[in-house]
Amino acid sequence: MLSQIAAFLVETVSGFFVFLLLARFHFQWLRAPFHNPVGEFVLALTSWIVMPVRRVIPGLRGLDLATLFVAWLLRALAIWAEIFIMGGEPRGMPILAVAAVDLVRFSVYILIFAVLLQAVLSWFHTYSPLNPMLDAIARPFLRPFRRMIRPVGGFDLTPLVLLVLLQIVVIVLDYARPLAARLG
């Protein structure tokens, strides 16, 4: 029982920071504004770990590789700790591969959340300070569908189409995780 509690706490705390680090990475990659409550929250909670790593790992063509590396390393350490706590024998390469798959999966969850929140805010609170950030995250993924699918009766169905496809991606990644553990 205590090992399950400890593994749960490791997963929760590390997952929280991995999501924040990935959000920071995606905000910078997609040029989402940080001048909103969410952006400032993400910067405040991640700068302490990202800034020292940036001295060693530079960015590449607008990609914040230091933030991505820290997220990947933190996820790998969390997986290692959970396996160790539960009495297993952690092995390096499979853990690194599973951590990489998890980063992709978590990134898809961030996009799902952004698309859902943007859709809900468009119905109720169209001038929210979060709209520019959510638009910057979702727009590049919605754009191809908006070219193919026109609004029906004034309703934009492209977020629904994107959410269905993202859910399929999550299912595929859930199957890829055990494969990464075996192949890694």
N, C-alpha and C. Protein backbone atom coordinates (compact mmCIF):
# COMPACT_ATOMS: atom_id res chain seq x y z
N MET A 1 0.82 -1.19 0.00
CA MET A 1 0.00 0.00 0.00
C MET A 1 0.87 1.26 0.00
N LEU A 2 1.90 1.31 0.84
CA LEU A 2 2.76 2.48 0.88
C LEU A 2 3.51 2.70 -0.44
N SER A 3 3.87 1.59 -1.08
CA SER A 3 4.56 1.74 -2.37
C SER A 3 3.62 2.32 -3.43
N GLN A 4 2.35 1.93 -3.39
CA GLN A 4 1.38 2.50 -4.32
C GLN A 4 1.17 3.99 -4.08
N ILE A 5 1.14 4.38 -2.81
CA ILE A 5 0.99 5.80 -2.48
C ILE A 5 2.21 6.58 -2.95
N ALA A 6 3.38 6.03 -2.70
CA ALA A 6 4.61 6.71 -3.13
C ALA A 6 4.67 6.82 -4.65
N ALA A 7 4.31 5.74 -5.37
CA ALA A 7 4.31 5.77 -6.84
C ALA A 7 3.29 6.79 -7.35
N PHE A 8 2.14 6.85 -6.71
CA PHE A 8 1.11 7.82 -7.08
C PHE A 8 1.63 9.25 -6.91
N LEU A 9 2.30 9.52 -5.79
CA LEU A 9 2.83 10.86 -5.55
C LEU A 9 3.92 11.23 -6.55
N VAL A 10 4.78 10.27 -6.88
CA VAL A 10 5.82 10.52 -7.89
C VAL A 10 5.16 10.84 -9.23
N GLU A 11 4.17 10.05 -9.62
CA GLU A 11 3.49 10.26 -10.89
C GLU A 11 2.78 11.61 -10.93
N THR A 12 2.12 11.98 -9.84
CA THR A 12 1.37 13.23 -9.80
C THR A 12 2.28 14.45 -9.87
N VAL A 13 3.29 14.48 -9.02
CA VAL A 13 4.19 15.64 -8.98
C VAL A 13 4.99 15.75 -10.27
N SER A 14 5.56 14.64 -10.71
CA SER A 14 6.36 14.70 -11.94
C SER A 14 5.47 14.99 -13.15
N GLY A 15 4.28 14.40 -13.19
CA GLY A 15 3.36 14.66 -14.30
C GLY A 15 2.97 16.12 -14.38
N PHE A 16 2.74 16.74 -13.24
CA PHE A 16 2.40 18.16 -13.19
C PHE A 16 3.51 18.99 -13.84
N PHE A 17 4.76 18.73 -13.44
CA PHE A 17 5.87 19.50 -13.98
C PHE A 17 6.16 19.16 -15.44
N VAL A 18 5.98 17.91 -15.82
CA VAL A 18 6.19 17.56 -17.23
C VAL A 18 5.16 18.27 -18.10
N PHE A 19 3.91 18.31 -17.67
CA PHE A 19 2.89 19.03 -18.43
C PHE A 19 3.23 20.52 -18.53
N LEU A 20 3.69 21.11 -17.43
CA LEU A 20 4.07 22.52 -17.47
C LEU A 20 5.23 22.75 -18.41
N LEU A 21 6.24 21.89 -18.36
CA LEU A 21 7.39 22.04 -19.25
C LEU A 21 6.99 21.87 -20.71
N LEU A 22 6.13 20.90 -20.99
CA LEU A 22 5.66 20.71 -22.36
C LEU A 22 4.80 21.90 -22.82
N ALA A 23 3.99 22.43 -21.92
CA ALA A 23 3.21 23.61 -22.26
C ALA A 23 4.15 24.77 -22.61
N ARG A 24 5.20 24.95 -21.84
CA ARG A 24 6.17 26.00 -22.12
C ARG A 24 6.82 25.78 -23.49
N PHE A 25 7.21 24.53 -23.76
CA PHE A 25 7.81 24.20 -25.05
C PHE A 25 6.86 24.53 -26.19
N HIS A 26 5.60 24.11 -26.07
CA HIS A 26 4.62 24.33 -27.14
C HIS A 26 4.27 25.81 -27.28
N PHE A 27 4.17 26.53 -26.17
CA PHE A 27 3.89 27.96 -26.25
C PHE A 27 4.97 28.66 -27.06
N GLN A 28 6.23 28.31 -26.80
CA GLN A 28 7.32 28.95 -27.52
C GLN A 28 7.37 28.49 -28.97
N TRP A 29 7.17 27.21 -29.20
CA TRP A 29 7.22 26.66 -30.56
C TRP A 29 6.13 27.28 -31.43
N LEU A 30 4.92 27.41 -30.87
CA LEU A 30 3.79 27.92 -31.64
C LEU A 30 3.61 29.43 -31.49
N ARG A 31 4.55 30.06 -30.81
CA ARG A 31 4.56 31.50 -30.61
C ARG A 31 3.28 32.01 -29.92
N ALA A 32 2.84 31.24 -28.94
CA ALA A 32 1.69 31.66 -28.13
C ALA A 32 2.15 32.73 -27.14
N PRO A 33 1.33 33.73 -26.91
CA PRO A 33 1.74 34.79 -25.98
C PRO A 33 1.78 34.28 -24.54
N PHE A 34 2.78 34.74 -23.81
CA PHE A 34 2.90 34.38 -22.40
C PHE A 34 2.26 35.43 -21.50
N HIS A 35 1.77 36.52 -22.08
CA HIS A 35 1.20 37.60 -21.28
C HIS A 35 -0.27 37.33 -20.98
N ASN A 36 -0.49 36.28 -20.20
CA ASN A 36 -1.81 35.90 -19.72
C ASN A 36 -1.60 35.11 -18.44
N PRO A 37 -2.62 34.85 -17.66
CA PRO A 37 -2.42 34.16 -16.38
C PRO A 37 -1.77 32.77 -16.53
N VAL A 38 -2.16 32.02 -17.55
CA VAL A 38 -1.61 30.68 -17.72
C VAL A 38 -0.14 30.75 -18.13
N GLY A 39 0.19 31.61 -19.07
CA GLY A 39 1.58 31.75 -19.51
C GLY A 39 2.49 32.20 -18.38
N GLU A 40 2.05 33.14 -17.58
CA GLU A 40 2.85 33.61 -16.46
C GLU A 40 3.02 32.53 -15.40
N PHE A 41 1.97 31.73 -15.19
CA PHE A 41 2.04 30.61 -14.25
C PHE A 41 3.07 29.58 -14.72
N VAL A 42 3.02 29.25 -16.01
CA VAL A 42 3.96 28.27 -16.57
C VAL A 42 5.39 28.78 -16.44
N LEU A 43 5.63 30.03 -16.79
CA LEU A 43 6.98 30.59 -16.68
C LEU A 43 7.46 30.61 -15.23
N ALA A 44 6.58 31.00 -14.31
CA ALA A 44 6.98 31.09 -12.90
C ALA A 44 7.38 29.74 -12.32
N LEU A 45 6.69 28.68 -12.74
CA LEU A 45 6.97 27.36 -12.17
C LEU A 45 8.03 26.56 -12.92
N THR A 46 8.46 27.01 -14.08
CA THR A 46 9.44 26.22 -14.84
C THR A 46 10.77 26.92 -15.06
N SER A 47 10.83 28.22 -14.89
CA SER A 47 12.07 28.95 -15.19
C SER A 47 13.24 28.49 -14.33
N TRP A 48 12.99 28.14 -13.08
CA TRP A 48 14.06 27.74 -12.17
C TRP A 48 14.83 26.52 -12.68
N ILE A 49 14.16 25.65 -13.42
CA ILE A 49 14.84 24.45 -13.92
C ILE A 49 15.29 24.60 -15.37
N VAL A 50 14.59 25.42 -16.14
CA VAL A 50 14.92 25.56 -17.57
C VAL A 50 16.11 26.48 -17.79
N MET A 51 16.17 27.58 -17.07
CA MET A 51 17.21 28.58 -17.33
C MET A 51 18.63 28.03 -17.17
N PRO A 52 18.95 27.25 -16.13
CA PRO A 52 20.30 26.70 -16.04
C PRO A 52 20.63 25.72 -17.18
N VAL A 53 19.63 24.97 -17.62
CA VAL A 53 19.86 23.99 -18.69
C VAL A 53 20.07 24.70 -20.02
N ARG A 54 19.48 25.86 -20.20
CA ARG A 54 19.66 26.63 -21.44
C ARG A 54 21.11 27.06 -21.65
N ARG A 55 21.86 27.16 -20.59
CA ARG A 55 23.28 27.50 -20.73
C ARG A 55 24.05 26.39 -21.42
N VAL A 56 23.55 25.17 -21.29
CA VAL A 56 24.23 23.99 -21.85
C VAL A 56 23.59 23.55 -23.17
N ILE A 57 22.26 23.60 -23.24
CA ILE A 57 21.54 23.14 -24.43
C ILE A 57 20.87 24.34 -25.09
N PRO A 58 21.39 24.79 -26.23
CA PRO A 58 20.79 25.95 -26.91
C PRO A 58 19.52 25.55 -27.67
N GLY A 59 18.76 26.55 -28.05
CA GLY A 59 17.59 26.32 -28.88
C GLY A 59 18.00 26.02 -30.31
N LEU A 60 17.05 25.53 -31.09
CA LEU A 60 17.31 25.19 -32.49
C LEU A 60 16.11 25.62 -33.32
N ARG A 61 16.28 26.64 -34.14
CA ARG A 61 15.23 27.13 -35.05
C ARG A 61 13.89 27.37 -34.35
N GLY A 62 13.93 28.04 -33.25
CA GLY A 62 12.71 28.37 -32.53
C GLY A 62 12.22 27.29 -31.59
N LEU A 63 12.92 26.17 -31.53
CA LEU A 63 12.54 25.09 -30.61
C LEU A 63 13.36 25.21 -29.34
N ASP A 64 12.69 25.20 -28.22
CA ASP A 64 13.36 25.29 -26.93
C ASP A 64 13.78 23.89 -26.49
N LEU A 65 14.93 23.45 -26.98
CA LEU A 65 15.41 22.09 -26.72
C LEU A 65 15.72 21.86 -25.25
N ALA A 66 16.12 22.88 -24.53
CA ALA A 66 16.42 22.73 -23.11
C ALA A 66 15.16 22.33 -22.35
N THR A 67 14.06 23.00 -22.63
CA THR A 67 12.79 22.67 -21.97
C THR A 67 12.34 21.26 -22.33
N LEU A 68 12.47 20.90 -23.59
CA LEU A 68 12.07 19.56 -24.02
C LEU A 68 12.95 18.50 -23.37
N PHE A 69 14.25 18.76 -23.28
CA PHE A 69 15.16 17.81 -22.64
C PHE A 69 14.82 17.63 -21.16
N VAL A 70 14.55 18.73 -20.47
CA VAL A 70 14.21 18.64 -19.05
C VAL A 70 12.92 17.85 -18.86
N ALA A 71 11.93 18.08 -19.71
CA ALA A 71 10.67 17.34 -19.62
C ALA A 71 10.90 15.85 -19.84
N TRP A 72 11.70 15.52 -20.85
CA TRP A 72 12.00 14.11 -21.15
C TRP A 72 12.77 13.46 -20.00
N LEU A 73 13.76 14.15 -19.47
CA LEU A 73 14.55 13.61 -18.37
C LEU A 73 13.71 13.43 -17.11
N LEU A 74 12.87 14.41 -16.81
CA LEU A 74 12.00 14.31 -15.64
C LEU A 74 11.02 13.15 -15.79
N ARG A 75 10.48 12.97 -16.99
CA ARG A 75 9.55 11.85 -17.21
C ARG A 75 10.27 10.51 -17.07
N ALA A 76 11.50 10.43 -17.61
CA ALA A 76 12.27 9.19 -17.49
C ALA A 76 12.61 8.90 -16.02
N LEU A 77 12.99 9.91 -15.27
CA LEU A 77 13.29 9.71 -13.84
C LEU A 77 12.04 9.27 -13.07
N ALA A 78 10.91 9.83 -13.43
CA ALA A 78 9.66 9.44 -12.76
C ALA A 78 9.31 7.99 -13.06
N ILE A 79 9.46 7.57 -14.30
CA ILE A 79 9.18 6.17 -14.65
C ILE A 79 10.14 5.25 -13.91
N TRP A 80 11.43 5.63 -13.88
CA TRP A 80 12.42 4.84 -13.17
C TRP A 80 12.04 4.72 -11.69
N ALA A 81 11.68 5.85 -11.06
CA ALA A 81 11.32 5.85 -9.64
C ALA A 81 10.09 5.00 -9.37
N GLU A 82 9.10 5.07 -10.24
CA GLU A 82 7.89 4.28 -10.05
C GLU A 82 8.20 2.78 -10.13
N ILE A 83 9.01 2.39 -11.10
CA ILE A 83 9.39 0.98 -11.23
C ILE A 83 10.16 0.53 -9.99
N PHE A 84 11.09 1.36 -9.54
CA PHE A 84 11.90 1.04 -8.36
C PHE A 84 11.03 0.93 -7.11
N ILE A 85 10.12 1.88 -6.93
CA ILE A 85 9.24 1.89 -5.76
C ILE A 85 8.36 0.64 -5.73
N MET A 86 7.90 0.23 -6.91
CA MET A 86 7.01 -0.94 -6.98
C MET A 86 7.79 -2.27 -6.93
N GLY A 87 9.11 -2.19 -6.78
CA GLY A 87 9.90 -3.41 -6.61
C GLY A 87 10.44 -4.00 -7.89
N GLY A 88 10.33 -3.30 -8.99
CA GLY A 88 10.85 -3.80 -10.26
C GLY A 88 12.31 -3.44 -10.45
N GLU A 89 12.86 -3.87 -11.57
CA GLU A 89 14.23 -3.54 -11.92
C GLU A 89 14.22 -2.56 -13.09
N PRO A 90 14.47 -1.29 -12.81
CA PRO A 90 14.47 -0.30 -13.89
C PRO A 90 15.63 -0.53 -14.86
N ARG A 91 15.33 -0.48 -16.16
CA ARG A 91 16.36 -0.59 -17.19
C ARG A 91 16.36 0.70 -18.00
N GLY A 92 17.54 1.19 -18.34
CA GLY A 92 17.72 2.50 -18.94
C GLY A 92 17.05 2.74 -20.27
N MET A 93 17.39 1.98 -21.29
CA MET A 93 16.91 2.28 -22.64
C MET A 93 15.39 2.17 -22.78
N PRO A 94 14.75 1.12 -22.24
CA PRO A 94 13.28 1.10 -22.36
C PRO A 94 12.62 2.28 -21.66
N ILE A 95 13.18 2.71 -20.54
CA ILE A 95 12.60 3.85 -19.82
C ILE A 95 12.71 5.11 -20.67
N LEU A 96 13.84 5.31 -21.33
CA LEU A 96 14.03 6.49 -22.18
C LEU A 96 13.06 6.48 -23.36
N ALA A 97 12.84 5.29 -23.94
CA ALA A 97 11.90 5.18 -25.06
C ALA A 97 10.47 5.43 -24.61
N VAL A 98 10.09 4.86 -23.47
CA VAL A 98 8.73 5.07 -22.94
C VAL A 98 8.53 6.55 -22.59
N ALA A 99 9.56 7.17 -22.03
CA ALA A 99 9.46 8.60 -21.69
C ALA A 99 9.23 9.43 -22.95
N ALA A 100 9.87 9.08 -24.05
CA ALA A 100 9.67 9.82 -25.31
C ALA A 100 8.25 9.65 -25.81
N VAL A 101 7.72 8.43 -25.76
CA VAL A 101 6.33 8.19 -26.17
C VAL A 101 5.38 8.97 -25.26
N ASP A 102 5.67 9.00 -23.96
CA ASP A 102 4.83 9.74 -23.03
C ASP A 102 4.82 11.23 -23.33
N LEU A 103 5.96 11.79 -23.74
CA LEU A 103 5.99 13.21 -24.07
C LEU A 103 5.08 13.52 -25.26
N VAL A 104 5.07 12.64 -26.24
CA VAL A 104 4.18 12.84 -27.38
C VAL A 104 2.73 12.73 -26.93
N ARG A 105 2.45 11.74 -26.09
CA ARG A 105 1.08 11.54 -25.59
C ARG A 105 0.63 12.75 -24.76
N PHE A 106 1.49 13.24 -23.88
CA PHE A 106 1.15 14.41 -23.07
C PHE A 106 0.95 15.64 -23.96
N SER A 107 1.74 15.75 -25.01
CA SER A 107 1.58 16.88 -25.94
C SER A 107 0.22 16.83 -26.63
N VAL A 108 -0.22 15.64 -26.98
CA VAL A 108 -1.55 15.48 -27.59
C VAL A 108 -2.63 15.88 -26.58
N TYR A 109 -2.44 15.52 -25.31
CA TYR A 109 -3.40 15.92 -24.27
C TYR A 109 -3.46 17.44 -24.14
N ILE A 110 -2.31 18.09 -24.23
CA ILE A 110 -2.29 19.57 -24.16
C ILE A 110 -3.09 20.15 -25.32
N LEU A 111 -2.91 19.60 -26.52
CA LEU A 111 -3.66 20.09 -27.68
C LEU A 111 -5.15 19.82 -27.52
N ILE A 112 -5.51 18.65 -27.03
CA ILE A 112 -6.93 18.34 -26.79
C ILE A 112 -7.53 19.35 -25.82
N PHE A 113 -6.82 19.62 -24.74
CA PHE A 113 -7.31 20.58 -23.75
C PHE A 113 -7.46 21.97 -24.36
N ALA A 114 -6.48 22.39 -25.15
CA ALA A 114 -6.53 23.72 -25.77
C ALA A 114 -7.71 23.84 -26.73
N VAL A 115 -7.94 22.81 -27.54
CA VAL A 115 -9.05 22.85 -28.51
C VAL A 115 -10.39 22.86 -27.78
N LEU A 116 -10.53 22.02 -26.76
CA LEU A 116 -11.78 21.99 -25.99
C LEU A 116 -12.04 23.32 -25.30
N LEU A 117 -11.02 23.85 -24.64
CA LEU A 117 -11.19 25.11 -23.93
C LEU A 117 -11.49 26.25 -24.89
N GLN A 118 -10.82 26.26 -26.04
CA GLN A 118 -11.08 27.30 -27.03
C GLN A 118 -12.53 27.21 -27.53
N ALA A 119 -13.03 26.00 -27.76
CA ALA A 119 -14.40 25.84 -28.23
C ALA A 119 -15.40 26.32 -27.18
N VAL A 120 -15.18 25.95 -25.93
CA VAL A 120 -16.10 26.36 -24.87
C VAL A 120 -16.06 27.88 -24.67
N LEU A 121 -14.86 28.46 -24.66
CA LEU A 121 -14.76 29.90 -24.49
C LEU A 121 -15.38 30.65 -25.67
N SER A 122 -15.34 30.06 -26.86
CA SER A 122 -15.94 30.74 -28.01
C SER A 122 -17.46 30.81 -27.89
N TRP A 123 -18.04 29.91 -27.13
CA TRP A 123 -19.48 29.93 -26.93
C TRP A 123 -19.89 30.93 -25.85
N PHE A 124 -19.10 31.02 -24.79
CA PHE A 124 -19.54 31.77 -23.61
C PHE A 124 -18.76 33.05 -23.34
N HIS A 125 -17.46 33.05 -23.60
CA HIS A 125 -16.63 34.19 -23.22
C HIS A 125 -15.64 34.47 -24.35
N THR A 126 -16.13 35.12 -25.39
CA THR A 126 -15.33 35.28 -26.61
C THR A 126 -14.14 36.22 -26.44
N TYR A 127 -14.14 37.06 -25.42
CA TYR A 127 -13.03 38.01 -25.24
C TYR A 127 -12.18 37.67 -24.02
N SER A 128 -11.99 36.39 -23.79
CA SER A 128 -11.17 35.94 -22.66
C SER A 128 -9.70 36.27 -22.93
N PRO A 129 -8.93 36.59 -21.89
CA PRO A 129 -7.49 36.84 -22.09
C PRO A 129 -6.73 35.58 -22.51
N LEU A 130 -7.36 34.43 -22.39
CA LEU A 130 -6.72 33.18 -22.81
C LEU A 130 -6.89 32.90 -24.30
N ASN A 131 -7.83 33.57 -24.94
CA ASN A 131 -8.12 33.28 -26.36
C ASN A 131 -6.91 33.40 -27.28
N PRO A 132 -6.08 34.46 -27.18
CA PRO A 132 -4.92 34.51 -28.08
C PRO A 132 -3.97 33.33 -27.91
N MET A 133 -3.75 32.90 -26.66
CA MET A 133 -2.88 31.77 -26.41
C MET A 133 -3.49 30.48 -26.97
N LEU A 134 -4.76 30.25 -26.69
CA LEU A 134 -5.42 29.04 -27.18
C LEU A 134 -5.48 29.02 -28.70
N ASP A 135 -5.72 30.18 -29.29
CA ASP A 135 -5.76 30.27 -30.75
C ASP A 135 -4.39 29.95 -31.35
N ALA A 136 -3.34 30.45 -30.74
CA ALA A 136 -1.98 30.18 -31.25
C ALA A 136 -1.65 28.69 -31.17
N ILE A 137 -2.17 28.01 -30.16
CA ILE A 137 -1.89 26.58 -30.01
C ILE A 137 -2.74 25.76 -30.99
N ALA A 138 -4.02 26.08 -31.10
CA ALA A 138 -4.94 25.24 -31.88
C ALA A 138 -4.97 25.57 -33.37
N ARG A 139 -4.77 26.83 -33.73
CA ARG A 139 -4.91 27.25 -35.13
C ARG A 139 -4.09 26.43 -36.13
N PRO A 140 -2.80 26.17 -35.87
CA PRO A 140 -2.03 25.41 -36.87
C PRO A 140 -2.58 24.01 -37.12
N PHE A 141 -3.24 23.44 -36.13
CA PHE A 141 -3.78 22.09 -36.27
C PHE A 141 -5.19 22.11 -36.85
N LEU A 142 -5.92 23.20 -36.64
CA LEU A 142 -7.27 23.32 -37.18
C LEU A 142 -7.28 23.81 -38.64
N ARG A 143 -6.26 24.56 -39.02
CA ARG A 143 -6.22 25.19 -40.35
C ARG A 143 -6.44 24.21 -41.49
N PRO A 144 -5.76 23.05 -41.54
CA PRO A 144 -5.99 22.15 -42.68
C PRO A 144 -7.44 21.65 -42.76
N PHE A 145 -8.06 21.45 -41.61
CA PHE A 145 -9.45 20.98 -41.61
C PHE A 145 -10.41 22.09 -42.00
N ARG A 146 -10.09 23.32 -41.64
CA ARG A 146 -10.95 24.44 -42.01
C ARG A 146 -10.95 24.69 -43.50
N ARG A 147 -9.88 24.28 -44.18
CA ARG A 147 -9.86 24.41 -45.65
C ARG A 147 -10.80 23.39 -46.29
N MET A 148 -10.95 22.23 -45.67
CA MET A 148 -11.76 21.15 -46.25
C MET A 148 -13.21 21.17 -45.76
N ILE A 149 -13.44 21.59 -44.52
CA ILE A 149 -14.77 21.52 -43.91
C ILE A 149 -15.27 22.93 -43.66
N ARG A 150 -16.31 23.30 -44.35
CA ARG A 150 -16.92 24.63 -44.18
C ARG A 150 -17.89 24.60 -43.00
N PRO A 151 -18.12 25.76 -42.39
CA PRO A 151 -19.10 25.81 -41.30
C PRO A 151 -20.48 25.35 -41.77
N VAL A 152 -21.17 24.65 -40.89
CA VAL A 152 -22.51 24.13 -41.19
C VAL A 152 -23.50 24.91 -40.33
N GLY A 153 -24.34 25.68 -40.96
CA GLY A 153 -25.33 26.47 -40.23
C GLY A 153 -24.68 27.45 -39.26
N GLY A 154 -23.50 27.93 -39.60
CA GLY A 154 -22.81 28.88 -38.73
C GLY A 154 -21.95 28.23 -37.65
N PHE A 155 -21.92 26.89 -37.62
CA PHE A 155 -21.13 26.19 -36.62
C PHE A 155 -19.87 25.60 -37.25
N ASP A 156 -18.75 25.83 -36.60
CA ASP A 156 -17.47 25.30 -37.05
C ASP A 156 -17.29 23.90 -36.46
N LEU A 157 -17.31 22.90 -37.32
CA LEU A 157 -17.18 21.50 -36.86
C LEU A 157 -15.74 21.01 -36.84
N THR A 158 -14.80 21.85 -37.27
CA THR A 158 -13.41 21.38 -37.34
C THR A 158 -12.82 21.02 -35.98
N PRO A 159 -13.15 21.70 -34.88
CA PRO A 159 -12.62 21.24 -33.59
C PRO A 159 -13.07 19.82 -33.26
N LEU A 160 -14.31 19.50 -33.61
CA LEU A 160 -14.81 18.15 -33.35
C LEU A 160 -14.04 17.11 -34.17
N VAL A 161 -13.78 17.40 -35.43
CA VAL A 161 -13.01 16.50 -36.29
C VAL A 161 -11.60 16.32 -35.73
N LEU A 162 -10.97 17.43 -35.34
CA LEU A 162 -9.62 17.35 -34.78
C LEU A 162 -9.60 16.55 -33.48
N LEU A 163 -10.58 16.75 -32.63
CA LEU A 163 -10.63 16.01 -31.37
C LEU A 163 -10.78 14.51 -31.59
N VAL A 164 -11.58 14.13 -32.56
CA VAL A 164 -11.73 12.70 -32.87
C VAL A 164 -10.40 12.12 -33.35
N LEU A 165 -9.71 12.84 -34.24
CA LEU A 165 -8.42 12.36 -34.74
C LEU A 165 -7.37 12.33 -33.62
N LEU A 166 -7.38 13.31 -32.75
CA LEU A 166 -6.44 13.30 -31.63
C LEU A 166 -6.70 12.15 -30.68
N GLN A 167 -7.96 11.81 -30.50
CA GLN A 167 -8.29 10.67 -29.64
C GLN A 167 -7.76 9.37 -30.26
N ILE A 168 -7.82 9.26 -31.57
CA ILE A 168 -7.25 8.09 -32.27
C ILE A 168 -5.73 8.06 -32.07
N VAL A 169 -5.09 9.22 -32.13
CA VAL A 169 -3.64 9.29 -31.89
C VAL A 169 -3.31 8.82 -30.47
N VAL A 170 -4.12 9.21 -29.49
CA VAL A 170 -3.89 8.78 -28.11
C VAL A 170 -4.01 7.26 -28.00
N ILE A 171 -4.99 6.68 -28.68
CA ILE A 171 -5.15 5.22 -28.65
C ILE A 171 -3.92 4.54 -29.24
N VAL A 172 -3.43 5.06 -30.37
CA VAL A 172 -2.23 4.49 -31.00
C VAL A 172 -1.03 4.62 -30.06
N LEU A 173 -0.88 5.77 -29.42
CA LEU A 173 0.24 5.97 -28.50
C LEU A 173 0.14 5.08 -27.27
N ASP A 174 -1.08 4.79 -26.83
CA ASP A 174 -1.24 3.86 -25.71
C ASP A 174 -0.77 2.46 -26.09
N TYR A 175 -0.94 2.07 -27.35
CA TYR A 175 -0.41 0.79 -27.81
C TYR A 175 1.09 0.86 -28.07
N ALA A 176 1.60 2.03 -28.41
CA ALA A 176 3.04 2.19 -28.68
C ALA A 176 3.87 2.16 -27.40
N ARG A 177 3.27 2.53 -26.29
CA ARG A 177 4.03 2.59 -25.03
C ARG A 177 4.62 1.23 -24.63
N PRO A 178 3.84 0.15 -24.59
CA PRO A 178 4.44 -1.15 -24.26
C PRO A 178 5.46 -1.61 -25.32
N LEU A 179 5.22 -1.25 -26.58
CA LEU A 179 6.19 -1.61 -27.62
C LEU A 179 7.51 -0.89 -27.39
N ALA A 180 7.44 0.37 -26.99
CA ALA A 180 8.66 1.11 -26.71
C ALA A 180 9.40 0.50 -25.53
N ALA A 181 8.66 -0.01 -24.56
CA ALA A 181 9.29 -0.64 -23.40
C ALA A 181 10.02 -1.91 -23.80
N ARG A 182 9.46 -2.65 -24.74
CA ARG A 182 10.11 -3.90 -25.18
C ARG A 182 11.25 -3.65 -26.15
N LEU A 183 11.08 -2.67 -27.03
CA LEU A 183 12.09 -2.42 -28.05
C LEU A 183 13.26 -1.59 -27.55
N GLY A 184 13.02 -0.77 -26.51
CA GLY A 184 14.02 0.18 -26.04
C GLY A 184 15.27 -0.41 -25.53
